Amino acid sequence: MTRPQLDSAAWDVVSVQLERRLLARRTATMVAAAIEESGTKRVLVTSAYAKEGKTLFLDLVSREFEHCKSTLEIRVIDGDDIITDADPTGTTSRGKVRLEPKHLSPDVVTLIKGPSVLDSEGMLHFRRDWFEEIDGALVVVMARRTGRKALRETVAWLEASGIKPIGLIYNEFASPPLADRLGRIRKWRQQPLRSKLRAAFGGLRRSR
């Protein structure tokens, strides 16, 4: 079998696409395993702040669940397909018929792309009947952006609301905006030297 005549740039594209596909399948497999182990059926996909990778994560894994070695059937729905209490209409903003919990099969696991927890009012308007259906959550964090304090607050809010966090999705595909990165550097430089050293070397000390 002869190798197709492609330039090096084309091979790089193929390599990147293959890497992305393999990572998506591995992530989908781990998510399916976490759901199966926890026994959850209605899983909220959320984050501390907006634009941390919820849509990217679901786009990557939604097509890979059928290839996982799992007995679960997993369906993905967008939070926009769920009417909030503040919306008096019977259709979504995209003109779809309102989706009700009763429309969901008890045998199918549903991943629901929800709003972020800390910087929006989306959770406050989440319909009560849907909120009561949710029994687990996957929290998406963005590398070099989501801080530990924000993550702790998000997890605490979910637990206080009766939603069990079952997994953490660490998004390294996208980088935070430049202003966010500069702000973190500025904040770090303003810390006392002892705090900087603890943040830099504390993990090494604990791992010994």
N, C-alpha and C. Protein backbone atom coordinates (compact mmCIF):
# COMPACT_ATOMS: atom_id res chain seq x y z
N MET A 1 0.86 -1.20 0.00
CA MET A 1 0.00 0.00 0.00
C MET A 1 0.89 1.25 0.00
N THR A 2 0.70 2.10 -0.96
CA THR A 2 1.54 3.30 -1.06
C THR A 2 0.96 4.44 -0.24
N ARG A 3 1.85 5.24 0.28
CA ARG A 3 1.43 6.39 1.08
C ARG A 3 0.94 7.51 0.18
N PRO A 4 -0.20 8.12 0.49
CA PRO A 4 -0.70 9.23 -0.34
C PRO A 4 0.31 10.36 -0.39
N GLN A 5 0.39 11.01 -1.53
CA GLN A 5 1.33 12.11 -1.70
C GLN A 5 0.73 13.40 -1.13
N LEU A 6 1.05 13.66 0.13
CA LEU A 6 0.58 14.88 0.78
C LEU A 6 1.79 15.62 1.32
N ASP A 7 1.71 16.94 1.31
CA ASP A 7 2.83 17.69 1.87
C ASP A 7 2.82 17.58 3.39
N SER A 8 3.88 18.04 4.03
CA SER A 8 4.02 17.89 5.48
C SER A 8 2.92 18.62 6.24
N ALA A 9 2.48 19.76 5.73
CA ALA A 9 1.42 20.52 6.40
C ALA A 9 0.13 19.72 6.44
N ALA A 10 -0.17 18.99 5.34
CA ALA A 10 -1.38 18.17 5.30
C ALA A 10 -1.30 17.05 6.32
N TRP A 11 -0.12 16.44 6.45
CA TRP A 11 0.05 15.37 7.44
C TRP A 11 -0.12 15.91 8.85
N ASP A 12 0.33 17.14 9.09
CA ASP A 12 0.14 17.75 10.40
C ASP A 12 -1.34 17.91 10.72
N VAL A 13 -2.12 18.30 9.71
CA VAL A 13 -3.56 18.46 9.91
C VAL A 13 -4.19 17.12 10.24
N VAL A 14 -3.82 16.08 9.49
CA VAL A 14 -4.35 14.74 9.75
C VAL A 14 -3.99 14.29 11.15
N SER A 15 -2.75 14.54 11.56
CA SER A 15 -2.28 14.15 12.88
C SER A 15 -3.07 14.85 13.98
N VAL A 16 -3.29 16.15 13.81
CA VAL A 16 -4.05 16.92 14.81
C VAL A 16 -5.48 16.41 14.90
N GLN A 17 -6.10 16.15 13.74
CA GLN A 17 -7.48 15.66 13.74
C GLN A 17 -7.58 14.30 14.42
N LEU A 18 -6.60 13.44 14.16
CA LEU A 18 -6.59 12.11 14.78
C LEU A 18 -6.41 12.22 16.29
N GLU A 19 -5.49 13.10 16.71
CA GLU A 19 -5.27 13.32 18.14
C GLU A 19 -6.54 13.79 18.81
N ARG A 20 -7.20 14.73 18.19
CA ARG A 20 -8.43 15.29 18.75
C ARG A 20 -9.52 14.21 18.87
N ARG A 21 -9.61 13.37 17.83
CA ARG A 21 -10.63 12.30 17.83
C ARG A 21 -10.34 11.27 18.93
N LEU A 22 -9.08 10.91 19.08
CA LEU A 22 -8.71 9.94 20.11
C LEU A 22 -8.95 10.51 21.51
N LEU A 23 -8.63 11.78 21.69
CA LEU A 23 -8.87 12.41 22.98
C LEU A 23 -10.36 12.48 23.28
N ALA A 24 -11.16 12.80 22.25
CA ALA A 24 -12.61 12.86 22.43
C ALA A 24 -13.17 11.50 22.83
N ARG A 25 -12.68 10.44 22.19
CA ARG A 25 -13.18 9.10 22.52
C ARG A 25 -12.76 8.69 23.92
N ARG A 26 -11.52 9.01 24.30
CA ARG A 26 -11.05 8.67 25.64
C ARG A 26 -11.85 9.43 26.70
N THR A 27 -12.13 10.72 26.43
CA THR A 27 -12.91 11.52 27.36
C THR A 27 -14.33 10.98 27.48
N ALA A 28 -14.94 10.63 26.35
CA ALA A 28 -16.29 10.07 26.36
C ALA A 28 -16.33 8.77 27.15
N THR A 29 -15.30 7.95 27.01
CA THR A 29 -15.24 6.68 27.74
C THR A 29 -15.17 6.92 29.24
N MET A 30 -14.35 7.90 29.66
CA MET A 30 -14.23 8.20 31.09
C MET A 30 -15.51 8.81 31.65
N VAL A 31 -16.16 9.66 30.85
CA VAL A 31 -17.42 10.26 31.29
C VAL A 31 -18.49 9.17 31.44
N ALA A 32 -18.57 8.27 30.47
CA ALA A 32 -19.54 7.18 30.56
C ALA A 32 -19.28 6.32 31.79
N ALA A 33 -18.00 6.06 32.09
CA ALA A 33 -17.66 5.26 33.27
C ALA A 33 -18.05 5.96 34.56
N ALA A 34 -17.83 7.29 34.62
CA ALA A 34 -18.20 8.06 35.81
C ALA A 34 -19.72 8.05 36.02
N ILE A 35 -20.46 8.19 34.92
CA ILE A 35 -21.93 8.18 35.00
C ILE A 35 -22.42 6.81 35.45
N GLU A 36 -21.84 5.76 34.87
CA GLU A 36 -22.25 4.40 35.21
C GLU A 36 -21.96 4.09 36.68
N GLU A 37 -20.79 4.52 37.15
CA GLU A 37 -20.41 4.26 38.54
C GLU A 37 -21.29 5.02 39.52
N SER A 38 -21.67 6.25 39.16
CA SER A 38 -22.47 7.08 40.07
C SER A 38 -23.95 6.71 40.02
N GLY A 39 -24.38 6.06 38.93
CA GLY A 39 -25.79 5.70 38.80
C GLY A 39 -26.69 6.86 38.44
N THR A 40 -26.12 7.97 37.98
CA THR A 40 -26.92 9.14 37.64
C THR A 40 -27.60 8.98 36.28
N LYS A 41 -28.70 9.71 36.10
CA LYS A 41 -29.47 9.64 34.85
C LYS A 41 -29.60 10.99 34.16
N ARG A 42 -29.67 12.06 34.94
CA ARG A 42 -29.82 13.41 34.39
C ARG A 42 -28.64 14.23 34.88
N VAL A 43 -27.68 14.46 34.00
CA VAL A 43 -26.41 15.07 34.40
C VAL A 43 -26.28 16.48 33.83
N LEU A 44 -26.09 17.44 34.70
CA LEU A 44 -25.91 18.83 34.30
C LEU A 44 -24.45 19.07 33.96
N VAL A 45 -24.18 19.66 32.80
CA VAL A 45 -22.83 20.07 32.42
C VAL A 45 -22.74 21.56 32.65
N THR A 46 -21.92 21.97 33.60
CA THR A 46 -21.85 23.38 33.99
C THR A 46 -20.40 23.79 34.19
N SER A 47 -20.22 25.04 34.61
CA SER A 47 -18.88 25.57 34.85
C SER A 47 -19.01 26.73 35.84
N ALA A 48 -17.88 27.20 36.33
CA ALA A 48 -17.92 28.35 37.24
C ALA A 48 -18.31 29.61 36.47
N TYR A 49 -17.68 29.80 35.32
CA TYR A 49 -17.91 30.99 34.51
C TYR A 49 -18.29 30.59 33.08
N ALA A 50 -18.83 31.55 32.35
CA ALA A 50 -19.21 31.30 30.96
C ALA A 50 -17.96 31.15 30.09
N LYS A 51 -18.11 30.50 28.96
CA LYS A 51 -17.08 30.35 27.93
C LYS A 51 -15.85 29.61 28.47
N GLU A 52 -16.09 28.56 29.24
CA GLU A 52 -14.97 27.75 29.74
C GLU A 52 -14.88 26.40 29.04
N GLY A 53 -15.77 26.16 28.08
CA GLY A 53 -15.61 24.96 27.25
C GLY A 53 -16.74 23.96 27.31
N LYS A 54 -17.91 24.32 27.84
CA LYS A 54 -19.02 23.36 27.90
C LYS A 54 -19.45 22.92 26.51
N THR A 55 -19.63 23.88 25.61
CA THR A 55 -20.07 23.56 24.25
C THR A 55 -19.02 22.73 23.52
N LEU A 56 -17.75 23.11 23.65
CA LEU A 56 -16.67 22.37 23.02
C LEU A 56 -16.62 20.93 23.53
N PHE A 57 -16.72 20.77 24.85
CA PHE A 57 -16.69 19.44 25.45
C PHE A 57 -17.81 18.56 24.90
N LEU A 58 -19.03 19.08 24.88
CA LEU A 58 -20.17 18.29 24.41
C LEU A 58 -20.10 18.00 22.92
N ASP A 59 -19.59 18.97 22.14
CA ASP A 59 -19.42 18.72 20.70
C ASP A 59 -18.43 17.59 20.46
N LEU A 60 -17.38 17.54 21.28
CA LEU A 60 -16.34 16.52 21.11
C LEU A 60 -16.84 15.13 21.46
N VAL A 61 -17.55 15.02 22.59
CA VAL A 61 -17.88 13.68 23.10
C VAL A 61 -19.22 13.14 22.62
N SER A 62 -20.12 14.02 22.17
CA SER A 62 -21.48 13.56 21.85
C SER A 62 -21.48 12.50 20.75
N ARG A 63 -20.54 12.60 19.81
CA ARG A 63 -20.49 11.63 18.69
C ARG A 63 -19.68 10.39 19.04
N GLU A 64 -19.07 10.37 20.22
CA GLU A 64 -18.19 9.26 20.58
C GLU A 64 -18.82 8.29 21.58
N PHE A 65 -19.93 8.67 22.20
CA PHE A 65 -20.53 7.80 23.21
C PHE A 65 -20.92 6.43 22.63
N GLU A 66 -21.39 6.42 21.40
CA GLU A 66 -21.83 5.15 20.81
C GLU A 66 -20.67 4.18 20.58
N HIS A 67 -19.44 4.71 20.58
CA HIS A 67 -18.27 3.86 20.37
C HIS A 67 -17.62 3.41 21.68
N CYS A 68 -18.14 3.91 22.80
CA CYS A 68 -17.58 3.54 24.11
C CYS A 68 -17.99 2.11 24.47
N LYS A 69 -17.14 1.48 25.24
CA LYS A 69 -17.48 0.14 25.75
C LYS A 69 -18.37 0.30 26.98
N SER A 70 -19.57 0.75 26.75
CA SER A 70 -20.51 1.00 27.84
C SER A 70 -21.90 0.56 27.41
N THR A 71 -22.66 0.09 28.34
CA THR A 71 -24.03 -0.35 28.05
C THR A 71 -25.01 0.82 28.09
N LEU A 72 -24.52 2.00 28.46
CA LEU A 72 -25.40 3.15 28.60
C LEU A 72 -25.72 3.77 27.24
N GLU A 73 -26.95 4.25 27.13
CA GLU A 73 -27.32 5.10 26.00
C GLU A 73 -27.34 6.52 26.51
N ILE A 74 -26.53 7.38 25.91
CA ILE A 74 -26.35 8.74 26.42
C ILE A 74 -26.81 9.74 25.36
N ARG A 75 -27.65 10.67 25.80
CA ARG A 75 -28.18 11.70 24.92
C ARG A 75 -27.73 13.06 25.43
N VAL A 76 -27.47 13.99 24.51
CA VAL A 76 -27.06 15.35 24.88
C VAL A 76 -28.12 16.34 24.45
N ILE A 77 -28.53 17.22 25.35
CA ILE A 77 -29.48 18.28 24.99
C ILE A 77 -28.92 19.63 25.44
N ASP A 78 -29.33 20.66 24.75
CA ASP A 78 -28.88 22.02 25.05
C ASP A 78 -29.84 22.66 26.04
N GLY A 79 -29.29 23.42 26.97
CA GLY A 79 -30.13 24.10 27.95
C GLY A 79 -31.13 25.04 27.32
N ASP A 80 -30.83 25.51 26.09
CA ASP A 80 -31.77 26.40 25.40
C ASP A 80 -33.06 25.68 25.02
N ASP A 81 -33.02 24.34 25.02
CA ASP A 81 -34.23 23.57 24.70
C ASP A 81 -35.13 23.39 25.92
N ILE A 82 -34.68 23.93 27.05
CA ILE A 82 -35.46 23.87 28.29
C ILE A 82 -35.93 25.28 28.62
N ILE A 83 -37.22 25.46 28.69
CA ILE A 83 -37.75 26.79 28.97
C ILE A 83 -37.56 27.10 30.45
N THR A 84 -37.07 28.29 30.76
CA THR A 84 -36.91 28.70 32.15
C THR A 84 -38.23 29.21 32.70
N ASP A 85 -38.29 29.33 34.01
CA ASP A 85 -39.51 29.85 34.65
C ASP A 85 -39.82 31.26 34.20
N ALA A 86 -38.79 32.00 33.79
CA ALA A 86 -38.99 33.39 33.40
C ALA A 86 -39.56 33.53 31.99
N ASP A 87 -39.60 32.43 31.25
CA ASP A 87 -40.06 32.48 29.87
C ASP A 87 -41.50 31.97 29.78
N PRO A 88 -42.46 32.83 29.45
CA PRO A 88 -43.87 32.43 29.43
C PRO A 88 -44.30 31.69 28.16
N THR A 89 -43.44 31.62 27.16
CA THR A 89 -43.84 31.00 25.89
C THR A 89 -43.70 29.50 25.96
N GLY A 90 -44.27 28.84 24.98
CA GLY A 90 -44.20 27.38 24.93
C GLY A 90 -43.15 26.86 23.98
N THR A 91 -42.36 27.77 23.42
CA THR A 91 -41.29 27.35 22.51
C THR A 91 -39.98 27.96 22.96
N THR A 92 -38.88 27.39 22.49
CA THR A 92 -37.57 27.90 22.86
C THR A 92 -37.24 29.12 22.00
N SER A 93 -36.09 29.75 22.32
CA SER A 93 -35.67 30.92 21.56
C SER A 93 -35.35 30.57 20.11
N ARG A 94 -35.12 29.27 19.85
CA ARG A 94 -34.83 28.83 18.48
C ARG A 94 -36.06 28.25 17.79
N GLY A 95 -37.23 28.43 18.41
CA GLY A 95 -38.47 28.00 17.79
C GLY A 95 -38.83 26.55 18.00
N LYS A 96 -38.10 25.84 18.85
CA LYS A 96 -38.40 24.43 19.11
C LYS A 96 -39.50 24.29 20.15
N VAL A 97 -40.20 23.18 20.09
CA VAL A 97 -41.23 22.91 21.09
C VAL A 97 -40.56 22.68 22.45
N ARG A 98 -41.17 23.19 23.48
CA ARG A 98 -40.59 23.08 24.81
C ARG A 98 -40.38 21.61 25.19
N LEU A 99 -39.22 21.31 25.71
CA LEU A 99 -38.88 19.95 26.11
C LEU A 99 -39.23 19.74 27.58
N GLU A 100 -40.00 18.71 27.85
CA GLU A 100 -40.43 18.41 29.21
C GLU A 100 -39.70 17.18 29.74
N PRO A 101 -39.50 17.08 31.06
CA PRO A 101 -38.85 15.89 31.62
C PRO A 101 -39.56 14.59 31.24
N LYS A 102 -40.88 14.65 31.09
CA LYS A 102 -41.64 13.44 30.77
C LYS A 102 -41.32 12.91 29.37
N HIS A 103 -40.70 13.77 28.53
CA HIS A 103 -40.32 13.33 27.20
C HIS A 103 -39.09 12.43 27.21
N LEU A 104 -38.38 12.39 28.32
CA LEU A 104 -37.13 11.64 28.40
C LEU A 104 -37.39 10.20 28.80
N SER A 105 -36.69 9.28 28.15
CA SER A 105 -36.81 7.87 28.50
C SER A 105 -36.04 7.59 29.79
N PRO A 106 -36.62 6.81 30.71
CA PRO A 106 -35.91 6.47 31.95
C PRO A 106 -34.68 5.59 31.71
N ASP A 107 -34.58 5.01 30.52
CA ASP A 107 -33.46 4.13 30.21
C ASP A 107 -32.30 4.87 29.54
N VAL A 108 -32.49 6.16 29.27
CA VAL A 108 -31.46 6.93 28.56
C VAL A 108 -30.85 7.97 29.52
N VAL A 109 -29.52 8.01 29.54
CA VAL A 109 -28.83 9.03 30.33
C VAL A 109 -28.82 10.33 29.53
N THR A 110 -29.15 11.44 30.18
CA THR A 110 -29.23 12.73 29.49
C THR A 110 -28.20 13.69 30.06
N LEU A 111 -27.34 14.22 29.18
CA LEU A 111 -26.42 15.29 29.55
C LEU A 111 -27.06 16.62 29.15
N ILE A 112 -27.19 17.51 30.11
CA ILE A 112 -27.87 18.79 29.87
C ILE A 112 -26.86 19.92 29.96
N LYS A 113 -26.64 20.62 28.85
CA LYS A 113 -25.73 21.77 28.89
C LYS A 113 -26.43 22.93 29.57
N GLY A 114 -25.96 23.25 30.79
CA GLY A 114 -26.61 24.29 31.57
C GLY A 114 -25.80 25.57 31.62
N PRO A 115 -26.32 26.58 32.29
CA PRO A 115 -25.59 27.85 32.43
C PRO A 115 -24.45 27.71 33.44
N SER A 116 -23.59 28.71 33.46
CA SER A 116 -22.52 28.73 34.46
C SER A 116 -23.11 29.10 35.82
N VAL A 117 -22.37 28.80 36.86
CA VAL A 117 -22.90 28.95 38.22
C VAL A 117 -22.65 30.34 38.81
N LEU A 118 -21.46 30.90 38.61
CA LEU A 118 -21.07 32.09 39.37
C LEU A 118 -21.30 33.42 38.68
N ASP A 119 -21.37 33.44 37.36
CA ASP A 119 -21.43 34.76 36.71
C ASP A 119 -22.67 34.98 35.86
N SER A 120 -23.72 34.23 36.12
CA SER A 120 -24.96 34.46 35.38
C SER A 120 -26.15 34.14 36.28
N GLU A 121 -27.34 34.55 35.82
CA GLU A 121 -28.56 34.27 36.57
C GLU A 121 -29.30 33.06 36.00
N GLY A 122 -28.63 32.35 35.08
CA GLY A 122 -29.29 31.22 34.43
C GLY A 122 -29.79 30.17 35.40
N MET A 123 -28.99 29.88 36.44
CA MET A 123 -29.40 28.87 37.41
C MET A 123 -30.63 29.30 38.20
N LEU A 124 -30.75 30.61 38.41
CA LEU A 124 -31.88 31.12 39.19
C LEU A 124 -33.20 30.92 38.44
N HIS A 125 -33.12 30.88 37.10
CA HIS A 125 -34.34 30.76 36.30
C HIS A 125 -34.54 29.34 35.78
N PHE A 126 -33.70 28.42 36.21
CA PHE A 126 -33.84 27.03 35.76
C PHE A 126 -35.17 26.48 36.25
N ARG A 127 -35.92 25.88 35.35
CA ARG A 127 -37.24 25.38 35.73
C ARG A 127 -37.14 24.37 36.86
N ARG A 128 -38.04 24.52 37.82
CA ARG A 128 -37.99 23.66 39.01
C ARG A 128 -38.17 22.17 38.66
N ASP A 129 -39.07 21.86 37.73
CA ASP A 129 -39.30 20.45 37.41
C ASP A 129 -38.06 19.82 36.78
N TRP A 130 -37.31 20.61 36.00
CA TRP A 130 -36.06 20.11 35.43
C TRP A 130 -34.98 20.01 36.51
N PHE A 131 -34.93 21.02 37.36
CA PHE A 131 -33.90 21.04 38.40
C PHE A 131 -34.04 19.83 39.31
N GLU A 132 -35.27 19.45 39.60
CA GLU A 132 -35.50 18.30 40.47
C GLU A 132 -35.12 16.99 39.80
N GLU A 133 -35.05 16.98 38.46
CA GLU A 133 -34.66 15.78 37.73
C GLU A 133 -33.15 15.55 37.77
N ILE A 134 -32.38 16.62 37.93
CA ILE A 134 -30.92 16.51 37.84
C ILE A 134 -30.37 15.83 39.08
N ASP A 135 -29.58 14.77 38.87
CA ASP A 135 -29.02 14.04 40.01
C ASP A 135 -27.50 13.97 39.97
N GLY A 136 -26.86 14.67 39.02
CA GLY A 136 -25.40 14.69 38.97
C GLY A 136 -24.92 15.86 38.12
N ALA A 137 -23.63 16.18 38.25
CA ALA A 137 -23.08 17.30 37.48
C ALA A 137 -21.65 17.02 37.06
N LEU A 138 -21.33 17.46 35.85
CA LEU A 138 -19.95 17.50 35.36
C LEU A 138 -19.55 18.96 35.30
N VAL A 139 -18.43 19.30 35.91
CA VAL A 139 -17.98 20.70 35.97
C VAL A 139 -16.81 20.88 35.01
N VAL A 140 -16.96 21.80 34.06
CA VAL A 140 -15.90 22.09 33.09
C VAL A 140 -15.07 23.26 33.61
N VAL A 141 -13.76 23.08 33.63
CA VAL A 141 -12.85 24.17 34.02
C VAL A 141 -11.88 24.42 32.88
N MET A 142 -11.48 25.67 32.72
CA MET A 142 -10.53 26.02 31.67
C MET A 142 -9.14 26.15 32.26
N ALA A 143 -8.17 25.50 31.62
CA ALA A 143 -6.79 25.56 32.06
C ALA A 143 -6.31 27.01 32.08
N ARG A 144 -5.61 27.38 33.15
CA ARG A 144 -5.01 28.72 33.32
C ARG A 144 -6.05 29.83 33.44
N ARG A 145 -7.29 29.45 33.74
CA ARG A 145 -8.31 30.49 33.95
C ARG A 145 -9.13 30.23 35.20
N THR A 146 -9.71 29.05 35.32
CA THR A 146 -10.57 28.76 36.46
C THR A 146 -9.73 28.60 37.72
N GLY A 147 -9.98 29.45 38.72
CA GLY A 147 -9.22 29.39 39.96
C GLY A 147 -9.78 28.36 40.93
N ARG A 148 -8.97 28.00 41.92
CA ARG A 148 -9.40 27.02 42.91
C ARG A 148 -10.59 27.52 43.72
N LYS A 149 -10.56 28.82 44.06
CA LYS A 149 -11.67 29.38 44.86
C LYS A 149 -12.98 29.28 44.08
N ALA A 150 -12.93 29.63 42.80
CA ALA A 150 -14.15 29.58 41.97
C ALA A 150 -14.65 28.14 41.85
N LEU A 151 -13.72 27.19 41.72
CA LEU A 151 -14.11 25.78 41.62
C LEU A 151 -14.74 25.30 42.92
N ARG A 152 -14.14 25.69 44.07
CA ARG A 152 -14.70 25.29 45.36
C ARG A 152 -16.10 25.87 45.54
N GLU A 153 -16.30 27.13 45.15
CA GLU A 153 -17.61 27.77 45.29
C GLU A 153 -18.64 27.09 44.39
N THR A 154 -18.23 26.70 43.19
CA THR A 154 -19.14 26.02 42.26
C THR A 154 -19.58 24.68 42.82
N VAL A 155 -18.62 23.90 43.30
CA VAL A 155 -18.93 22.58 43.87
C VAL A 155 -19.81 22.74 45.10
N ALA A 156 -19.50 23.72 45.95
CA ALA A 156 -20.31 23.94 47.15
C ALA A 156 -21.74 24.31 46.79
N TRP A 157 -21.91 25.15 45.76
CA TRP A 157 -23.26 25.55 45.34
C TRP A 157 -24.04 24.33 44.83
N LEU A 158 -23.39 23.51 44.04
CA LEU A 158 -24.06 22.31 43.51
C LEU A 158 -24.48 21.38 44.64
N GLU A 159 -23.57 21.14 45.57
CA GLU A 159 -23.88 20.24 46.68
C GLU A 159 -25.00 20.79 47.56
N ALA A 160 -24.98 22.10 47.78
CA ALA A 160 -26.05 22.73 48.58
C ALA A 160 -27.39 22.64 47.87
N SER A 161 -27.36 22.52 46.54
CA SER A 161 -28.60 22.41 45.76
C SER A 161 -29.04 20.96 45.57
N GLY A 162 -28.31 20.05 46.20
CA GLY A 162 -28.66 18.64 46.09
C GLY A 162 -28.18 17.96 44.83
N ILE A 163 -27.21 18.56 44.14
CA ILE A 163 -26.66 17.99 42.91
C ILE A 163 -25.25 17.49 43.19
N LYS A 164 -25.03 16.22 42.95
CA LYS A 164 -23.74 15.61 43.25
C LYS A 164 -22.76 15.77 42.08
N PRO A 165 -21.63 16.47 42.28
CA PRO A 165 -20.62 16.53 41.22
C PRO A 165 -20.00 15.14 41.03
N ILE A 166 -20.01 14.64 39.81
CA ILE A 166 -19.48 13.29 39.56
C ILE A 166 -18.19 13.32 38.75
N GLY A 167 -17.79 14.49 38.26
CA GLY A 167 -16.56 14.55 37.48
C GLY A 167 -16.16 15.97 37.14
N LEU A 168 -14.88 16.12 36.83
CA LEU A 168 -14.30 17.41 36.46
C LEU A 168 -13.71 17.29 35.06
N ILE A 169 -14.10 18.19 34.16
CA ILE A 169 -13.59 18.20 32.79
C ILE A 169 -12.57 19.33 32.68
N TYR A 170 -11.31 18.96 32.45
CA TYR A 170 -10.22 19.94 32.38
C TYR A 170 -9.98 20.31 30.92
N ASN A 171 -10.36 21.52 30.55
CA ASN A 171 -10.31 21.96 29.16
C ASN A 171 -8.97 22.61 28.84
N GLU A 172 -8.16 21.92 28.05
CA GLU A 172 -6.88 22.47 27.59
C GLU A 172 -6.90 22.81 26.11
N PHE A 173 -8.05 22.65 25.46
CA PHE A 173 -8.13 22.94 24.04
C PHE A 173 -8.06 24.44 23.76
N ALA A 174 -8.69 25.21 24.63
CA ALA A 174 -8.76 26.65 24.42
C ALA A 174 -8.02 27.38 25.52
N SER A 175 -7.47 28.53 25.18
CA SER A 175 -6.78 29.35 26.18
C SER A 175 -7.69 30.49 26.60
N PRO A 176 -7.56 30.94 27.85
CA PRO A 176 -8.37 32.09 28.28
C PRO A 176 -7.95 33.35 27.55
N PRO A 177 -8.80 34.36 27.50
CA PRO A 177 -8.44 35.61 26.84
C PRO A 177 -7.18 36.21 27.45
N LEU A 178 -6.46 37.00 26.65
CA LEU A 178 -5.20 37.59 27.12
C LEU A 178 -5.41 38.43 28.38
N ALA A 179 -6.51 39.17 28.44
CA ALA A 179 -6.77 40.01 29.62
C ALA A 179 -6.88 39.16 30.89
N ASP A 180 -7.50 37.99 30.78
CA ASP A 180 -7.62 37.10 31.93
C ASP A 180 -6.26 36.61 32.39
N ARG A 181 -5.41 36.23 31.41
CA ARG A 181 -4.08 35.72 31.76
C ARG A 181 -3.23 36.82 32.39
N LEU A 182 -3.28 38.03 31.83
CA LEU A 182 -2.52 39.14 32.41
C LEU A 182 -3.02 39.48 33.81
N GLY A 183 -4.33 39.38 34.01
CA GLY A 183 -4.89 39.66 35.33
C GLY A 183 -4.41 38.66 36.37
N ARG A 184 -4.31 37.38 35.99
CA ARG A 184 -3.81 36.37 36.92
C ARG A 184 -2.35 36.61 37.26
N ILE A 185 -1.56 37.01 36.25
CA ILE A 185 -0.14 37.30 36.50
C ILE A 185 -0.01 38.49 37.43
N ARG A 186 -0.81 39.54 37.20
CA ARG A 186 -0.77 40.74 38.05
C ARG A 186 -1.16 40.40 39.48
N LYS A 187 -2.19 39.58 39.63
CA LYS A 187 -2.63 39.19 40.97
C LYS A 187 -1.55 38.36 41.68
N TRP A 188 -0.88 37.48 40.91
CA TRP A 188 0.17 36.65 41.50
C TRP A 188 1.35 37.50 41.96
N ARG A 189 1.70 38.52 41.16
CA ARG A 189 2.85 39.37 41.51
C ARG A 189 2.58 40.19 42.76
N GLN A 190 1.30 40.45 43.05
CA GLN A 190 0.95 41.25 44.22
C GLN A 190 0.93 40.45 45.51
N GLN A 191 1.05 39.12 45.40
CA GLN A 191 1.02 38.28 46.60
C GLN A 191 2.36 38.36 47.34
N PRO A 192 2.35 38.12 48.67
CA PRO A 192 3.60 38.05 49.42
C PRO A 192 4.46 36.89 48.90
N LEU A 193 5.77 36.99 49.08
CA LEU A 193 6.69 35.98 48.60
C LEU A 193 6.37 34.60 49.15
N ARG A 194 5.98 34.51 50.41
CA ARG A 194 5.70 33.21 51.01
C ARG A 194 4.53 32.52 50.30
N SER A 195 3.51 33.30 49.96
CA SER A 195 2.36 32.73 49.27
C SER A 195 2.74 32.23 47.88
N LYS A 196 3.62 32.97 47.19
CA LYS A 196 4.07 32.55 45.87
C LYS A 196 4.83 31.22 45.95
N LEU A 197 5.71 31.11 46.93
CA LEU A 197 6.49 29.88 47.08
C LEU A 197 5.59 28.71 47.44
N ARG A 198 4.58 28.96 48.29
CA ARG A 198 3.66 27.90 48.68
C ARG A 198 2.87 27.42 47.48
N ALA A 199 2.44 28.36 46.63
CA ALA A 199 1.66 27.99 45.44
C ALA A 199 2.51 27.23 44.43
N ALA A 200 3.80 27.61 44.35
CA ALA A 200 4.68 26.99 43.37
C ALA A 200 5.19 25.62 43.79
N PHE A 201 5.49 25.46 45.09
CA PHE A 201 6.16 24.24 45.56
C PHE A 201 5.34 23.42 46.53
N GLY A 202 4.18 23.90 46.91
CA GLY A 202 3.36 23.16 47.87
C GLY A 202 2.97 21.78 47.37
N GLY A 203 2.62 21.69 46.06
CA GLY A 203 2.21 20.42 45.49
C GLY A 203 3.36 19.41 45.48
N LEU A 204 4.60 19.91 45.25
CA LEU A 204 5.75 19.02 45.24
C LEU A 204 6.00 18.43 46.62
N ARG A 205 5.82 19.26 47.65
CA ARG A 205 6.06 18.80 49.01
C ARG A 205 5.05 17.74 49.40
N ARG A 206 3.77 17.93 48.98
CA ARG A 206 2.74 16.97 49.35
C ARG A 206 2.90 15.63 48.62
N SER A 207 3.52 15.68 47.43
CA SER A 207 3.62 14.46 46.65
C SER A 207 4.77 13.55 47.10
N ARG A 208 5.65 14.03 47.95
CA ARG A 208 6.78 13.22 48.40
C ARG A 208 6.35 12.19 49.44
